[in-house]
Every structure is written in C-alpha cells, then in structure tokens.
Amino acid sequence: MQTYYYLVASKRFLREEEPLDEVYDERVRNYQEQKKEIDFWFIDRPAFLDALEFADVKAKVPQPATAVISTNKQFITWLKLRLEFVTTGEFQAPSATISEPLATLITA
C-alpha cells in the first residue's frame, strides 16, 4: 500500500478564488526540468471522500470538492501553509474502502 496525502477544499475556492493552476503548471515545469516523476494530482469530486472513514471530512468541506493528492507530504504541507479554508490528511490505498486513490466521481 502507498500513503497518499491530501488537501481538500471546495472546488470554487481551489479553482476560482485561489486558482492553483499556476502552482500546478510551475510544479510540473520544475519536475520536468529535474526529470522527476509527477507525484501530485488535482482531482475534482474525489471519490475517496465517499469512504466511510472520510464522512467527517466530507461534511466539513463545501461540495463539490476538489483535492490535491500527493505521495509527497512536504508538498501538501507547503500548500496548507499557503492556503486557508482547506483540510489536510492522509490515507493508505489501495484498501478495502479506497480501491483507486485518484478516482473521481465525475462521469463522462
């Protein structure tokens, strides 16, 4: 199993009020320059929030939610220090309740 760290907030906050697209683009560019593998993902309507153990987190976060998920704890900590109105934590996956850590509830 892999440990995933997350930062979750309302989609409106992360995508409109505090647009993280610039952070994402800069981070991707930096990783490419360093030839590092991407270890973070932006997920709209993350499915892991529907797992029973995240009921409290989901209840606190205005819906629809967006999450930044990473295997890099320092990146999530850095984002948390930069942003307000977010919730952070971690989970192990795959597990009995979270089979796909990067899954979304958005249907095509």
PDB file of N, CA and C in Angstrom:
ATOM      1  N   MET A   1       0.839  -1.190   0.000  1.00  0.00           N
ATOM      2  CA  MET A   1       0.000   0.000   0.000  1.00  0.00           C
ATOM      3  C   MET A   1       0.878   1.245   0.000  1.00  0.00           C
ATOM      4  N   GLN A   2       0.334   2.285  -0.554  1.00  0.00           N
ATOM      5  CA  GLN A   2       1.011   3.579  -0.659  1.00  0.00           C
ATOM      6  C   GLN A   2       0.297   4.581   0.243  1.00  0.00           C
ATOM      7  N   THR A   3       1.053   5.468   0.868  1.00  0.00           N
ATOM      8  CA  THR A   3       0.446   6.560   1.625  1.00  0.00           C
ATOM      9  C   THR A   3       0.240   7.742   0.694  1.00  0.00           C
ATOM     10  N   TYR A   4      -0.977   8.268   0.717  1.00  0.00           N
ATOM     11  CA  TYR A   4      -1.332   9.449  -0.058  1.00  0.00           C
ATOM     12  C   TYR A   4      -1.697  10.558   0.922  1.00  0.00           C
ATOM     13  N   TYR A   5      -1.211  11.745   0.644  1.00  0.00           N
ATOM     14  CA  TYR A   5      -1.513  12.928   1.445  1.00  0.00           C
ATOM     15  C   TYR A   5      -2.445  13.791   0.621  1.00  0.00           C
ATOM     16  N   TYR A   6      -3.380  14.438   1.287  1.00  0.00           N
ATOM     17  CA  TYR A   6      -4.352  15.224   0.531  1.00  0.00           C
ATOM     18  C   TYR A   6      -4.585  16.584   1.172  1.00  0.00           C
ATOM     19  N   LEU A   7      -5.010  17.485   0.323  1.00  0.00           N
ATOM     20  CA  LEU A   7      -5.522  18.793   0.707  1.00  0.00           C
ATOM     21  C   LEU A   7      -6.847  18.903  -0.030  1.00  0.00           C
ATOM     22  N   VAL A   8      -7.908  19.191   0.702  1.00  0.00           N
ATOM     23  CA  VAL A   8      -9.225  19.239   0.073  1.00  0.00           C
ATOM     24  C   VAL A   8      -9.939  20.520   0.491  1.00  0.00           C
ATOM     25  N   ALA A   9     -10.662  21.086  -0.446  1.00  0.00           N
ATOM     26  CA  ALA A   9     -11.451  22.301  -0.210  1.00  0.00           C
ATOM     27  C   ALA A   9     -12.551  22.341  -1.261  1.00  0.00           C
ATOM     28  N   SER A  10     -13.374  23.359  -1.165  1.00  0.00           N
ATOM     29  CA  SER A  10     -14.422  23.482  -2.181  1.00  0.00           C
ATOM     30  C   SER A  10     -13.776  23.733  -3.542  1.00  0.00           C
ATOM     31  N   LYS A  11     -14.416  23.220  -4.572  1.00  0.00           N
ATOM     32  CA  LYS A  11     -13.922  23.428  -5.935  1.00  0.00           C
ATOM     33  C   LYS A  11     -13.856  24.917  -6.246  1.00  0.00           C
ATOM     34  N   ARG A  12     -14.874  25.642  -5.823  1.00  0.00           N
ATOM     35  CA  ARG A  12     -14.906  27.086  -6.082  1.00  0.00           C
ATOM     36  C   ARG A  12     -13.684  27.769  -5.487  1.00  0.00           C
ATOM     37  N   PHE A  13     -13.322  27.406  -4.255  1.00  0.00           N
ATOM     38  CA  PHE A  13     -12.173  28.024  -3.603  1.00  0.00           C
ATOM     39  C   PHE A  13     -10.876  27.679  -4.329  1.00  0.00           C
ATOM     40  N   LEU A  14     -10.643  26.404  -4.596  1.00  0.00           N
ATOM     41  CA  LEU A  14      -9.364  26.000  -5.185  1.00  0.00           C
ATOM     42  C   LEU A  14      -9.230  26.340  -6.661  1.00  0.00           C
ATOM     43  N   ARG A  15     -10.329  26.374  -7.379  1.00  0.00           N
ATOM     44  CA  ARG A  15     -10.239  26.606  -8.820  1.00  0.00           C
ATOM     45  C   ARG A  15     -10.537  28.047  -9.234  1.00  0.00           C
ATOM     46  N   GLU A  16     -11.254  28.798  -8.399  1.00  0.00           N
ATOM     47  CA  GLU A  16     -11.633  30.157  -8.783  1.00  0.00           C
ATOM     48  C   GLU A  16     -11.033  31.212  -7.853  1.00  0.00           C
ATOM     49  N   GLU A  17     -11.285  31.079  -6.561  1.00  0.00           N
ATOM     50  CA  GLU A  17     -10.804  32.092  -5.622  1.00  0.00           C
ATOM     51  C   GLU A  17      -9.298  32.013  -5.412  1.00  0.00           C
ATOM     52  N   GLU A  18      -8.767  30.837  -5.389  1.00  0.00           N
ATOM     53  CA  GLU A  18      -7.336  30.618  -5.172  1.00  0.00           C
ATOM     54  C   GLU A  18      -6.846  29.693  -6.282  1.00  0.00           C
ATOM     55  N   PRO A  19      -6.858  30.190  -7.508  1.00  0.00           N
ATOM     56  CA  PRO A  19      -6.566  29.304  -8.633  1.00  0.00           C
ATOM     57  C   PRO A  19      -5.178  28.671  -8.530  1.00  0.00           C
ATOM     58  N   LEU A  20      -5.182  27.367  -8.402  1.00  0.00           N
ATOM     59  CA  LEU A  20      -3.932  26.641  -8.249  1.00  0.00           C
ATOM     60  C   LEU A  20      -3.345  26.193  -9.575  1.00  0.00           C
ATOM     61  N   ASP A  21      -3.972  26.584 -10.670  1.00  0.00           N
ATOM     62  CA  ASP A  21      -3.449  26.182 -11.968  1.00  0.00           C
ATOM     63  C   ASP A  21      -2.013  26.679 -12.166  1.00  0.00           C
ATOM     64  N   GLU A  22      -1.730  27.890 -11.700  1.00  0.00           N
ATOM     65  CA  GLU A  22      -0.369  28.425 -11.822  1.00  0.00           C
ATOM     66  C   GLU A  22       0.615  27.599 -11.005  1.00  0.00           C
ATOM     67  N   VAL A  23       0.220  27.233  -9.798  1.00  0.00           N
ATOM     68  CA  VAL A  23       1.066  26.400  -8.946  1.00  0.00           C
ATOM     69  C   VAL A  23       1.312  25.057  -9.634  1.00  0.00           C
ATOM     70  N   TYR A  24       0.242  24.488 -10.159  1.00  0.00           N
ATOM     71  CA  TYR A  24       0.334  23.207 -10.849  1.00  0.00           C
ATOM     72  C   TYR A  24       1.294  23.303 -12.038  1.00  0.00           C
ATOM     73  N   ASP A  25       1.095  24.308 -12.886  1.00  0.00           N
ATOM     74  CA  ASP A  25       1.937  24.463 -14.073  1.00  0.00           C
ATOM     75  C   ASP A  25       3.406  24.659 -13.697  1.00  0.00           C
ATOM     76  N   GLU A  26       3.667  25.482 -12.687  1.00  0.00           N
ATOM     77  CA  GLU A  26       5.038  25.730 -12.247  1.00  0.00           C
ATOM     78  C   GLU A  26       5.665  24.463 -11.682  1.00  0.00           C
ATOM     79  N   ARG A  27       4.901  23.730 -10.907  1.00  0.00           N
ATOM     80  CA  ARG A  27       5.404  22.493 -10.300  1.00  0.00           C
ATOM     81  C   ARG A  27       5.702  21.453 -11.375  1.00  0.00           C
ATOM     82  N   VAL A  28       4.820  21.317 -12.365  1.00  0.00           N
ATOM     83  CA  VAL A  28       5.050  20.376 -13.466  1.00  0.00           C
ATOM     84  C   VAL A  28       6.322  20.763 -14.221  1.00  0.00           C
ATOM     85  N   ARG A  29       6.462  22.050 -14.524  1.00  0.00           N
ATOM     86  CA  ARG A  29       7.660  22.516 -15.234  1.00  0.00           C
ATOM     87  C   ARG A  29       8.917  22.194 -14.439  1.00  0.00           C
ATOM     88  N   ASN A  30       8.888  22.459 -13.134  1.00  0.00           N
ATOM     89  CA  ASN A  30      10.019  22.186 -12.262  1.00  0.00           C
ATOM     90  C   ASN A  30      10.362  20.696 -12.250  1.00  0.00           C
ATOM     91  N   TYR A  31       9.355  19.851 -12.168  1.00  0.00           N
ATOM     92  CA  TYR A  31       9.587  18.404 -12.164  1.00  0.00           C
ATOM     93  C   TYR A  31      10.188  17.958 -13.492  1.00  0.00           C
ATOM     94  N   GLN A  32       9.707  18.515 -14.601  1.00  0.00           N
ATOM     95  CA  GLN A  32      10.236  18.140 -15.909  1.00  0.00           C
ATOM     96  C   GLN A  32      11.704  18.540 -16.025  1.00  0.00           C
ATOM     97  N   GLU A  33      12.035  19.724 -15.548  1.00  0.00           N
ATOM     98  CA  GLU A  33      13.425  20.184 -15.594  1.00  0.00           C
ATOM     99  C   GLU A  33      14.330  19.277 -14.762  1.00  0.00           C
ATOM    100  N   GLN A  34      13.812  18.793 -13.642  1.00  0.00           N
ATOM    101  CA  GLN A  34      14.597  17.926 -12.763  1.00  0.00           C
ATOM    102  C   GLN A  34      14.462  16.447 -13.125  1.00  0.00           C
ATOM    103  N   LYS A  35      13.664  16.176 -14.178  1.00  0.00           N
ATOM    104  CA  LYS A  35      13.405  14.807 -14.629  1.00  0.00           C
ATOM    105  C   LYS A  35      12.842  13.945 -13.495  1.00  0.00           C
ATOM    106  N   LYS A  36      11.952  14.569 -12.693  1.00  0.00           N
ATOM    107  CA  LYS A  36      11.272  13.874 -11.615  1.00  0.00           C
ATOM    108  C   LYS A  36       9.908  13.405 -12.091  1.00  0.00           C
ATOM    109  N   GLU A  37       9.482  12.284 -11.559  1.00  0.00           N
ATOM    110  CA  GLU A  37       8.150  11.768 -11.862  1.00  0.00           C
ATOM    111  C   GLU A  37       7.110  12.579 -11.087  1.00  0.00           C
ATOM    112  N   ILE A  38       5.988  12.893 -11.737  1.00  0.00           N
ATOM    113  CA  ILE A  38       4.903  13.640 -11.096  1.00  0.00           C
ATOM    114  C   ILE A  38       4.362  12.827  -9.927  1.00  0.00           C
ATOM    115  N   ASP A  39       4.242  13.469  -8.761  1.00  0.00           N
ATOM    116  CA  ASP A  39       3.756  12.784  -7.561  1.00  0.00           C
ATOM    117  C   ASP A  39       2.603  13.539  -6.907  1.00  0.00           C
ATOM    118  N   PHE A  40       1.869  14.317  -7.732  1.00  0.00           N
ATOM    119  CA  PHE A  40       0.718  15.060  -7.222  1.00  0.00           C
ATOM    120  C   PHE A  40      -0.329  15.172  -8.323  1.00  0.00           C
ATOM    121  N   TRP A  41      -1.588  15.223  -7.893  1.00  0.00           N
ATOM    122  CA  TRP A  41      -2.694  15.246  -8.840  1.00  0.00           C
ATOM    123  C   TRP A  41      -3.810  16.124  -8.300  1.00  0.00           C
ATOM    124  N   PHE A  42      -4.489  16.860  -9.165  1.00  0.00           N
ATOM    125  CA  PHE A  42      -5.674  17.637  -8.816  1.00  0.00           C
ATOM    126  C   PHE A  42      -6.878  16.800  -9.227  1.00  0.00           C
ATOM    127  N   ILE A  43      -7.764  16.538  -8.291  1.00  0.00           N
ATOM    128  CA  ILE A  43      -8.922  15.683  -8.562  1.00  0.00           C
ATOM    129  C   ILE A  43     -10.193  16.435  -8.180  1.00  0.00           C
ATOM    130  N   ASP A  44     -11.031  16.719  -9.159  1.00  0.00           N
ATOM    131  CA  ASP A  44     -12.341  17.298  -8.872  1.00  0.00           C
ATOM    132  C   ASP A  44     -13.271  16.169  -8.442  1.00  0.00           C
ATOM    133  N   ARG A  45     -14.071  16.434  -7.410  1.00  0.00           N
ATOM    134  CA  ARG A  45     -15.009  15.464  -6.832  1.00  0.00           C
ATOM    135  C   ARG A  45     -14.304  14.140  -6.527  1.00  0.00           C
ATOM    136  N   PRO A  46     -13.291  14.178  -5.643  1.00  0.00           N
ATOM    137  CA  PRO A  46     -12.527  12.964  -5.344  1.00  0.00           C
ATOM    138  C   PRO A  46     -13.394  11.880  -4.706  1.00  0.00           C
ATOM    139  N   ALA A  47     -13.270  10.670  -5.222  1.00  0.00           N
ATOM    140  CA  ALA A  47     -14.083   9.544  -4.750  1.00  0.00           C
ATOM    141  C   ALA A  47     -13.694   9.107  -3.343  1.00  0.00           C
ATOM    142  N   PHE A  48     -12.444   9.310  -2.938  1.00  0.00           N
ATOM    143  CA  PHE A  48     -12.045   8.833  -1.613  1.00  0.00           C
ATOM    144  C   PHE A  48     -12.868   9.478  -0.503  1.00  0.00           C
ATOM    145  N   LEU A  49     -13.427  10.664  -0.756  1.00  0.00           N
ATOM    146  CA  LEU A  49     -14.249  11.318   0.266  1.00  0.00           C
ATOM    147  C   LEU A  49     -15.548  10.559   0.551  1.00  0.00           C
ATOM    148  N   ASP A  50     -15.932   9.655  -0.339  1.00  0.00           N
ATOM    149  CA  ASP A  50     -17.140   8.862  -0.113  1.00  0.00           C
ATOM    150  C   ASP A  50     -16.882   7.642   0.773  1.00  0.00           C
ATOM    151  N   ALA A  51     -15.624   7.368   1.085  1.00  0.00           N
ATOM    152  CA  ALA A  51     -15.316   6.262   2.001  1.00  0.00           C
ATOM    153  C   ALA A  51     -15.828   6.635   3.392  1.00  0.00           C
ATOM    154  N   LEU A  52     -16.348   5.661   4.092  1.00  0.00           N
ATOM    155  CA  LEU A  52     -16.965   5.887   5.401  1.00  0.00           C
ATOM    156  C   LEU A  52     -16.048   6.642   6.366  1.00  0.00           C
ATOM    157  N   GLU A  53     -14.759   6.335   6.336  1.00  0.00           N
ATOM    158  CA  GLU A  53     -13.830   6.993   7.267  1.00  0.00           C
ATOM    159  C   GLU A  53     -13.622   8.479   6.980  1.00  0.00           C
ATOM    160  N   PHE A  54     -14.108   8.965   5.842  1.00  0.00           N
ATOM    161  CA  PHE A  54     -13.983  10.387   5.499  1.00  0.00           C
ATOM    162  C   PHE A  54     -15.291  11.152   5.636  1.00  0.00           C
ATOM    163  N   ALA A  55     -16.281  10.571   6.270  1.00  0.00           N
ATOM    164  CA  ALA A  55     -17.581  11.226   6.426  1.00  0.00           C
ATOM    165  C   ALA A  55     -17.453  12.578   7.122  1.00  0.00           C
ATOM    166  N   ASP A  56     -16.628  12.660   8.160  1.00  0.00           N
ATOM    167  CA  ASP A  56     -16.443  13.930   8.880  1.00  0.00           C
ATOM    168  C   ASP A  56     -15.770  14.976   7.995  1.00  0.00           C
ATOM    169  N   VAL A  57     -14.773  14.553   7.240  1.00  0.00           N
ATOM    170  CA  VAL A  57     -14.065  15.476   6.346  1.00  0.00           C
ATOM    171  C   VAL A  57     -15.026  15.983   5.280  1.00  0.00           C
ATOM    172  N   LYS A  58     -15.762  15.083   4.673  1.00  0.00           N
ATOM    173  CA  LYS A  58     -16.700  15.468   3.606  1.00  0.00           C
ATOM    174  C   LYS A  58     -17.764  16.428   4.142  1.00  0.00           C
ATOM    175  N   ALA A  59     -18.201  16.212   5.372  1.00  0.00           N
ATOM    176  CA  ALA A  59     -19.219  17.082   5.971  1.00  0.00           C
ATOM    177  C   ALA A  59     -18.685  18.495   6.205  1.00  0.00           C
ATOM    178  N   LYS A  60     -17.383  18.640   6.430  1.00  0.00           N
ATOM    179  CA  LYS A  60     -16.776  19.951   6.692  1.00  0.00           C
ATOM    180  C   LYS A  60     -16.495  20.754   5.419  1.00  0.00           C
ATOM    181  N   VAL A  61     -16.315  20.059   4.308  1.00  0.00           N
ATOM    182  CA  VAL A  61     -15.878  20.707   3.072  1.00  0.00           C
ATOM    183  C   VAL A  61     -17.079  21.017   2.194  1.00  0.00           C
ATOM    184  N   PRO A  62     -17.253  22.281   1.804  1.00  0.00           N
ATOM    185  CA  PRO A  62     -18.351  22.611   0.886  1.00  0.00           C
ATOM    186  C   PRO A  62     -18.219  21.808  -0.415  1.00  0.00           C
ATOM    187  N   GLN A  63     -19.332  21.322  -0.890  1.00  0.00           N
ATOM    188  CA  GLN A  63     -19.348  20.496  -2.096  1.00  0.00           C
ATOM    189  C   GLN A  63     -19.764  21.329  -3.300  1.00  0.00           C
ATOM    190  N   PRO A  64     -19.334  21.027  -4.487  1.00  0.00           N
ATOM    191  CA  PRO A  64     -18.419  19.957  -4.814  1.00  0.00           C
ATOM    192  C   PRO A  64     -17.002  20.290  -4.347  1.00  0.00           C
ATOM    193  N   ALA A  65     -16.249  19.263  -4.024  1.00  0.00           N
ATOM    194  CA  ALA A  65     -14.893  19.429  -3.511  1.00  0.00           C
ATOM    195  C   ALA A  65     -13.863  19.145  -4.598  1.00  0.00           C
ATOM    196  N   THR A  66     -12.686  19.694  -4.376  1.00  0.00           N
ATOM    197  CA  THR A  66     -11.514  19.395  -5.189  1.00  0.00           C
ATOM    198  C   THR A  66     -10.395  19.028  -4.229  1.00  0.00           C
ATOM    199  N   ALA A  67      -9.579  18.071  -4.634  1.00  0.00           N
ATOM    200  CA  ALA A  67      -8.457  17.657  -3.795  1.00  0.00           C
ATOM    201  C   ALA A  67      -7.164  17.729  -4.576  1.00  0.00           C
ATOM    202  N   VAL A  68      -6.106  18.009  -3.849  1.00  0.00           N
ATOM    203  CA  VAL A  68      -4.753  17.817  -4.348  1.00  0.00           C
ATOM    204  C   VAL A  68      -4.263  16.595  -3.590  1.00  0.00           C
ATOM    205  N   ILE A  69      -3.879  15.574  -4.312  1.00  0.00           N
ATOM    206  CA  ILE A  69      -3.409  14.337  -3.713  1.00  0.00           C
ATOM    207  C   ILE A  69      -1.959  14.150  -4.132  1.00  0.00           C
ATOM    208  N   SER A  70      -1.132  13.751  -3.184  1.00  0.00           N
ATOM    209  CA  SER A  70       0.283  13.579  -3.474  1.00  0.00           C
ATOM    210  C   SER A  70       0.869  12.458  -2.626  1.00  0.00           C
ATOM    211  N   THR A  71       1.948  11.908  -3.102  1.00  0.00           N
ATOM    212  CA  THR A  71       2.728  10.973  -2.295  1.00  0.00           C
ATOM    213  C   THR A  71       3.833  11.727  -1.568  1.00  0.00           C
ATOM    214  N   ASN A  72       3.888  13.036  -1.778  1.00  0.00           N
ATOM    215  CA  ASN A  72       4.902  13.905  -1.181  1.00  0.00           C
ATOM    216  C   ASN A  72       4.259  14.735  -0.066  1.00  0.00           C
ATOM    217  N   LYS A  73       4.486  14.336   1.166  1.00  0.00           N
ATOM    218  CA  LYS A  73       3.887  15.019   2.313  1.00  0.00           C
ATOM    219  C   LYS A  73       4.314  16.482   2.387  1.00  0.00           C
ATOM    220  N   GLN A  74       5.555  16.776   2.036  1.00  0.00           N
ATOM    221  CA  GLN A  74       6.058  18.155   2.108  1.00  0.00           C
ATOM    222  C   GLN A  74       5.302  19.084   1.165  1.00  0.00           C
ATOM    223  N   PHE A  75       4.927  18.602  -0.001  1.00  0.00           N
ATOM    224  CA  PHE A  75       4.182  19.426  -0.944  1.00  0.00           C
ATOM    225  C   PHE A  75       2.822  19.803  -0.371  1.00  0.00           C
ATOM    226  N   ILE A  76       2.134  18.838   0.223  1.00  0.00           N
ATOM    227  CA  ILE A  76       0.821  19.114   0.821  1.00  0.00           C
ATOM    228  C   ILE A  76       0.975  20.065   2.006  1.00  0.00           C
ATOM    229  N   THR A  77       2.010  19.878   2.810  1.00  0.00           N
ATOM    230  CA  THR A  77       2.265  20.785   3.937  1.00  0.00           C
ATOM    231  C   THR A  77       2.521  22.197   3.431  1.00  0.00           C
ATOM    232  N   TRP A  78       3.289  22.343   2.366  1.00  0.00           N
ATOM    233  CA  TRP A  78       3.577  23.653   1.786  1.00  0.00           C
ATOM    234  C   TRP A  78       2.290  24.322   1.296  1.00  0.00           C
ATOM    235  N   LEU A  79       1.438  23.552   0.613  1.00  0.00           N
ATOM    236  CA  LEU A  79       0.166  24.111   0.148  1.00  0.00           C
ATOM    237  C   LEU A  79      -0.705  24.539   1.320  1.00  0.00           C
ATOM    238  N   LYS A  80      -0.755  23.734   2.360  1.00  0.00           N
ATOM    239  CA  LYS A  80      -1.562  24.046   3.544  1.00  0.00           C
ATOM    240  C   LYS A  80      -1.118  25.364   4.164  1.00  0.00           C
ATOM    241  N   LEU A  81       0.177  25.590   4.219  1.00  0.00           N
ATOM    242  CA  LEU A  81       0.700  26.841   4.783  1.00  0.00           C
ATOM    243  C   LEU A  81       0.364  28.036   3.902  1.00  0.00           C
ATOM    244  N   ARG A  82       0.204  27.806   2.618  1.00  0.00           N
ATOM    245  CA  ARG A  82      -0.082  28.874   1.656  1.00  0.00           C
ATOM    246  C   ARG A  82      -1.562  29.217   1.595  1.00  0.00           C
ATOM    247  N   LEU A  83      -2.428  28.274   1.929  1.00  0.00           N
ATOM    248  CA  LEU A  83      -3.871  28.436   1.742  1.00  0.00           C
ATOM    249  C   LEU A  83      -4.623  28.390   3.065  1.00  0.00           C
ATOM    250  N   GLU A  84      -5.749  29.062   3.086  1.00  0.00           N
ATOM    251  CA  GLU A  84      -6.680  28.945   4.202  1.00  0.00           C
ATOM    252  C   GLU A  84      -7.886  28.140   3.707  1.00  0.00           C
ATOM    253  N   PHE A  85      -8.754  27.801   4.622  1.00  0.00           N
ATOM    254  CA  PHE A  85     -10.015  27.141   4.273  1.00  0.00           C
ATOM    255  C   PHE A  85      -9.818  25.799   3.576  1.00  0.00           C
ATOM    256  N   VAL A  86      -8.793  25.059   3.994  1.00  0.00           N
ATOM    257  CA  VAL A  86      -8.541  23.731   3.438  1.00  0.00           C
ATOM    258  C   VAL A  86      -8.415  22.728   4.576  1.00  0.00           C
ATOM    259  N   THR A  87      -8.595  21.484   4.231  1.00  0.00           N
ATOM    260  CA  THR A  87      -8.428  20.387   5.169  1.00  0.00           C
ATOM    261  C   THR A  87      -7.366  19.453   4.602  1.00  0.00           C
ATOM    262  N   THR A  88      -6.500  18.956   5.459  1.00  0.00           N
ATOM    263  CA  THR A  88      -5.460  18.036   5.011  1.00  0.00           C
ATOM    264  C   THR A  88      -5.522  16.744   5.806  1.00  0.00           C
ATOM    265  N   GLY A  89      -4.897  15.734   5.262  1.00  0.00           N
ATOM    266  CA  GLY A  89      -4.823  14.450   5.938  1.00  0.00           C
ATOM    267  C   GLY A  89      -4.095  13.450   5.064  1.00  0.00           C
ATOM    268  N   GLU A  90      -4.250  12.197   5.412  1.00  0.00           N
ATOM    269  CA  GLU A  90      -3.588  11.142   4.659  1.00  0.00           C
ATOM    270  C   GLU A  90      -4.427   9.878   4.698  1.00  0.00           C
ATOM    271  N   PHE A  91      -4.153   8.990   3.752  1.00  0.00           N
ATOM    272  CA  PHE A  91      -4.809   7.685   3.720  1.00  0.00           C
ATOM    273  C   PHE A  91      -3.902   6.693   3.012  1.00  0.00           C
ATOM    274  N   GLN A  92      -4.171   5.428   3.234  1.00  0.00           N
ATOM    275  CA  GLN A  92      -3.452   4.340   2.584  1.00  0.00           C
ATOM    276  C   GLN A  92      -4.345   3.779   1.478  1.00  0.00           C
ATOM    277  N   ALA A  93      -3.739   3.478   0.352  1.00  0.00           N
ATOM    278  CA  ALA A  93      -4.510   2.877  -0.736  1.00  0.00           C
ATOM    279  C   ALA A  93      -3.565   2.086  -1.628  1.00  0.00           C
ATOM    280  N   PRO A  94      -4.060   1.088  -2.307  1.00  0.00           N
ATOM    281  CA  PRO A  94      -5.449   0.646  -2.290  1.00  0.00           C
ATOM    282  C   PRO A  94      -5.788  -0.054  -0.978  1.00  0.00           C
ATOM    283  N   SER A  95      -7.053   0.070  -0.615  1.00  0.00           N
ATOM    284  CA  SER A  95      -7.549  -0.549   0.612  1.00  0.00           C
ATOM    285  C   SER A  95      -8.949  -1.083   0.345  1.00  0.00           C
ATOM    286  N   ALA A  96      -9.551  -1.652   1.369  1.00  0.00           N
ATOM    287  CA  ALA A  96     -10.901  -2.199   1.215  1.00  0.00           C
ATOM    288  C   ALA A  96     -11.914  -1.111   0.883  1.00  0.00           C
ATOM    289  N   THR A  97     -11.689   0.115   1.373  1.00  0.00           N
ATOM    290  CA  THR A  97     -12.655   1.192   1.141  1.00  0.00           C
ATOM    291  C   THR A  97     -12.212   2.184   0.069  1.00  0.00           C
ATOM    292  N   ILE A  98     -10.935   2.181  -0.273  1.00  0.00           N
ATOM    293  CA  ILE A  98     -10.414   3.085  -1.310  1.00  0.00           C
ATOM    294  C   ILE A  98      -9.579   2.254  -2.283  1.00  0.00           C
ATOM    295  N   SER A  99     -10.233   1.792  -3.334  1.00  0.00           N
ATOM    296  CA  SER A  99      -9.522   0.946  -4.294  1.00  0.00           C
ATOM    297  C   SER A  99      -8.675   1.769  -5.262  1.00  0.00           C
ATOM    298  N   GLU A 100      -9.163   2.945  -5.626  1.00  0.00           N
ATOM    299  CA  GLU A 100      -8.461   3.826  -6.569  1.00  0.00           C
ATOM    300  C   GLU A 100      -8.252   5.189  -5.904  1.00  0.00           C
ATOM    301  N   PRO A 101      -7.058   5.499  -5.423  1.00  0.00           N
ATOM    302  CA  PRO A 101      -6.846   6.746  -4.688  1.00  0.00           C
ATOM    303  C   PRO A 101      -7.073   8.007  -5.523  1.00  0.00           C
ATOM    304  N   LEU A 102      -6.947   7.926  -6.827  1.00  0.00           N
ATOM    305  CA  LEU A 102      -7.088   9.114  -7.683  1.00  0.00           C
ATOM    306  C   LEU A 102      -8.427   9.149  -8.423  1.00  0.00           C
ATOM    307  N   ALA A 103      -9.349   8.320  -8.012  1.00  0.00           N
ATOM    308  CA  ALA A 103     -10.648   8.245  -8.691  1.00  0.00           C
ATOM    309  C   ALA A 103     -11.478   9.504  -8.450  1.00  0.00           C
ATOM    310  N   THR A 104     -12.298   9.821  -9.425  1.00  0.00           N
ATOM    311  CA  THR A 104     -13.208  10.955  -9.357  1.00  0.00           C
ATOM    312  C   THR A 104     -14.645  10.464  -9.475  1.00  0.00           C
ATOM    313  N   LEU A 105     -15.567  11.245  -8.957  1.00  0.00           N
ATOM    314  CA  LEU A 105     -16.981  10.924  -9.091  1.00  0.00           C
ATOM    315  C   LEU A 105     -17.602  11.566 -10.321  1.00  0.00           C
ATOM    316  N   ILE A 106     -16.801  12.268 -11.090  1.00  0.00           N
ATOM    317  CA  ILE A 106     -17.281  12.880 -12.331  1.00  0.00           C
ATOM    318  C   ILE A 106     -17.459  11.794 -13.374  1.00  0.00           C
ATOM    319  N   THR A 107     -18.632  11.764 -13.975  1.00  0.00           N
ATOM    320  CA  THR A 107     -18.896  10.793 -15.028  1.00  0.00           C
ATOM    321  C   THR A 107     -18.908  11.495 -16.361  1.00  0.00           C
ATOM    322  N   ALA A 108     -18.457  10.784 -17.359  1.00  0.00           N
ATOM    323  CA  ALA A 108     -18.355  11.378 -18.700  1.00  0.00           C
ATOM    324  C   ALA A 108     -19.710  11.493 -19.345  1.00  0.00           C
TER     325      ALA A 108
END
